Amino acid sequence: NPTQSRFSIPVLDGQKIVIVGGDRREHALLRLLDAFAFEEVIHCCTRKIDASPRAFQSSVQLPDVLLVVCVRGLSRTHHGKQLHQMCRQCGIPFVDTFRIPHPNALLVRIAQLRLWSALEARREHILANRKRNLGGAA
């Protein structure tokens, strides 16, 4: 079934992630969507010649982003530093990779960085905000 996710990971199901860096690789983004039950994978392309974080700032600051993935090597070093600082300020778990990650590589990187509890806490925060915005209705 093409609509069924390959991985069933409750903390990731129905969530939004942001990938920052490099050029859009549709097949890599679709592979992530097919592997997980993400609501959305937002890719913010960056250019080495553009020193401004404007290419990704508004996406990272969305209230319902569960995880931010920084693709290092395909953007300016300063982008990674700014992005990491934004994530800290917003309480969003941050993963850095050297390319748009394969689903297996993303899981390994999350485990290496010991982010599972941070992802669970962020998901609870997102769900609480959604409930509050709906007036308490779930």
Protein backbone atom coordinates (compact mmCIF):
# COMPACT_ATOMS: atom_id res chain seq x y z
CA ASN A 1 0.00 0.00 0.00
CA PRO A 2 1.75 3.23 -1.12
CA THR A 3 -0.01 5.37 1.50
CA GLN A 4 1.17 3.19 4.38
CA SER A 5 4.40 4.21 6.13
CA ARG A 6 7.31 1.83 6.27
CA PHE A 7 8.16 2.87 9.84
CA SER A 8 5.57 3.24 12.55
CA ILE A 9 7.12 5.65 15.03
CA PRO A 10 4.39 7.35 17.07
CA VAL A 11 6.49 10.38 18.03
CA LEU A 12 6.97 11.22 14.33
CA ASP A 13 3.48 10.33 13.06
CA GLY A 14 1.46 13.27 11.79
CA GLN A 15 4.24 15.77 12.47
CA LYS A 16 6.00 18.43 10.43
CA ILE A 17 9.76 18.55 9.91
CA VAL A 18 11.90 21.22 8.28
CA ILE A 19 15.01 20.44 6.24
CA VAL A 20 17.35 23.37 5.67
CA GLY A 21 20.13 23.40 3.11
CA GLY A 22 21.07 22.56 -0.41
CA ASP A 23 18.87 22.24 -3.45
CA ARG A 24 15.50 20.55 -3.49
CA ARG A 25 15.81 16.81 -4.09
CA GLU A 26 12.24 15.70 -4.64
CA HIS A 27 13.05 11.98 -4.52
CA ALA A 28 14.80 12.33 -1.14
CA LEU A 29 11.88 14.30 0.32
CA LEU A 30 9.34 11.80 -1.02
CA ARG A 31 11.40 8.95 0.43
CA LEU A 32 11.06 10.55 3.89
CA LEU A 33 7.31 11.08 3.41
CA ASP A 34 6.88 7.47 2.26
CA ALA A 35 8.92 6.06 5.13
CA PHE A 36 7.27 7.99 7.95
CA ALA A 37 3.76 9.23 8.57
CA PHE A 38 4.87 12.87 8.53
CA GLU A 39 2.21 15.49 7.97
CA GLU A 40 4.69 17.49 5.93
CA VAL A 41 8.37 17.75 5.06
CA ILE A 42 9.28 21.39 4.40
CA HIS A 43 12.51 21.94 2.50
CA CYS A 44 14.16 25.35 2.63
CA CYS A 45 16.84 25.68 -0.02
CA THR A 46 19.87 27.77 0.88
CA ARG A 47 22.64 29.21 -1.19
CA LYS A 48 26.24 29.63 -0.17
CA ILE A 49 26.17 33.21 -1.49
CA ASP A 50 23.21 34.28 0.68
CA ALA A 51 24.28 34.98 4.27
CA SER A 52 20.75 35.75 5.47
CA PRO A 53 18.61 33.27 7.40
CA ARG A 54 15.45 34.60 5.69
CA ALA A 55 15.29 31.49 3.49
CA PHE A 56 14.41 29.31 6.48
CA GLN A 57 13.52 31.52 9.44
CA SER A 58 9.74 31.60 8.92
CA SER A 59 9.52 27.82 8.41
CA VAL A 60 11.56 27.04 11.52
CA GLN A 61 9.42 29.36 13.62
CA LEU A 62 6.15 27.65 12.71
CA PRO A 63 4.51 26.55 15.97
CA ASP A 64 4.04 22.92 14.92
CA VAL A 65 7.52 21.92 13.71
CA LEU A 66 8.73 18.78 15.48
CA LEU A 67 12.27 18.54 14.11
CA VAL A 68 14.75 20.60 12.09
CA VAL A 69 17.39 18.91 9.93
CA CYS A 70 20.35 21.01 8.81
CA VAL A 71 22.10 19.81 5.66
CA ARG A 72 25.68 20.90 6.29
CA GLY A 73 28.13 21.31 3.46
CA LEU A 74 25.40 22.59 1.16
CA SER A 75 24.93 25.91 2.92
CA ARG A 76 27.02 28.49 4.72
CA THR A 77 28.55 27.57 8.07
CA HIS A 78 26.85 30.64 9.52
CA HIS A 79 23.45 29.25 8.43
CA GLY A 80 24.01 26.19 10.59
CA LYS A 81 24.94 28.32 13.59
CA GLN A 82 21.92 30.61 13.13
CA LEU A 83 19.63 27.64 12.61
CA HIS A 84 20.87 25.86 15.72
CA GLN A 85 20.35 29.04 17.76
CA MET A 86 16.79 29.45 16.39
CA CYS A 87 15.99 25.86 17.28
CA ARG A 88 17.25 26.34 20.83
CA GLN A 89 15.14 29.48 21.23
CA CYS A 90 12.03 27.70 19.89
CA GLY A 91 12.68 24.43 21.75
CA ILE A 92 12.89 22.39 18.55
CA PRO A 93 15.19 19.34 18.35
CA PHE A 94 17.99 19.84 15.81
CA VAL A 95 19.81 17.28 13.68
CA ASP A 96 22.71 17.99 11.35
CA THR A 97 23.60 15.80 8.39
CA PHE A 98 25.72 16.10 5.25
CA ARG A 99 22.81 15.50 2.85
CA ILE A 100 19.05 15.11 2.95
CA PRO A 101 18.99 11.95 5.05
CA HIS A 102 17.74 8.56 4.02
CA PRO A 103 15.02 7.46 6.50
CA ASN A 104 17.31 4.87 8.10
CA ALA A 105 20.09 7.45 8.46
CA LEU A 106 17.67 9.91 10.06
CA LEU A 107 16.68 7.34 12.69
CA VAL A 108 20.32 6.53 13.38
CA ARG A 109 21.23 10.21 13.71
CA ILE A 110 18.32 10.85 16.09
CA ALA A 111 19.49 7.91 18.20
CA GLN A 112 23.14 9.07 18.11
CA LEU A 113 22.11 12.50 19.38
CA ARG A 114 19.78 10.92 21.97
CA LEU A 115 16.87 13.06 20.81
CA TRP A 116 13.96 10.68 21.39
CA SER A 117 12.91 12.24 24.71
CA ALA A 118 13.32 15.76 23.26
CA LEU A 119 11.11 14.75 20.32
CA GLU A 120 8.49 13.33 22.68
CA ALA A 121 8.51 16.54 24.74
CA ARG A 122 8.24 18.68 21.60
CA ARG A 123 5.35 16.55 20.30
CA GLU A 124 3.50 16.99 23.61
CA HIS A 125 4.10 20.76 23.39
CA ILE A 126 2.71 20.84 19.83
CA LEU A 127 -0.35 18.76 20.77
CA ALA A 128 -1.04 20.95 23.82
CA ASN A 129 -0.85 24.08 21.65
CA ARG A 130 -3.22 22.58 19.09
CA LYS A 131 -5.67 21.66 21.83
CA ARG A 132 -5.45 25.14 23.34
CA ASN A 133 -6.01 26.75 19.93
CA LEU A 134 -9.07 24.58 19.41
CA GLY A 135 -10.50 25.72 22.71
CA GLY A 136 -9.75 22.48 24.52
CA ALA A 137 -11.37 20.20 21.93
CA ALA A 138 -9.23 17.39 20.63
